[in-house]
Amino acid sequence: MTQHTDFYRRLEALQQRVAKVTSAVQTAASESDAQLKERIDQAQADLDQSVQDARQEVSEAADDARAKWAQLKADAAAKMSDVKANIDKRTRQVDAKVAANDADWAEADAAEALDFADWAVENAQLAILDAIHARAYAVKLAEAADTL
């Protein structure tokens, strides 16, 4: 398998994850409070696993770029843990005005997360294109060296 194939495979997996999240968000909009809490708990468990995986990647990262990306993922996952804490806090509050303010903050956090995801996709595209170019250039130089 070439590195290009791995990029395609990973991008397709990412598309599937986005489709799954889109479906979950659409479904969640019509769920009961108990169902939403269950969905949130599962998402938190998944996120906790992602944080653990990202931290493991940081400790195992061989090069600086991988370490930076792994650290970025760990930081983003930690931010999501803050979101979970806010969700838990919201369940303990009863004041409608406070709940409305919390909803505004939660929506702003969601918008910020989407902005980050958009940036990450653009950054991933640039990194993938750079990697493809670098590999093509390395192959070209190797072929030129072989013809000498």
Foldseek 3Di string as FASTA:
>chain_A
DDVVVVLVVVVVVVVVVVVVVVVVVVVLVPDDPVVVVVVVVVVLVVLVVQLVVLVVQLVVPDDDVSNVVSVVSNVVSVVVVVVVVLVVVLVPDDDPVVNVVSVVVNVVVVVVVVVVVVVVVVVVVVVVVVVVVVVVVVVVVVVVVVVD
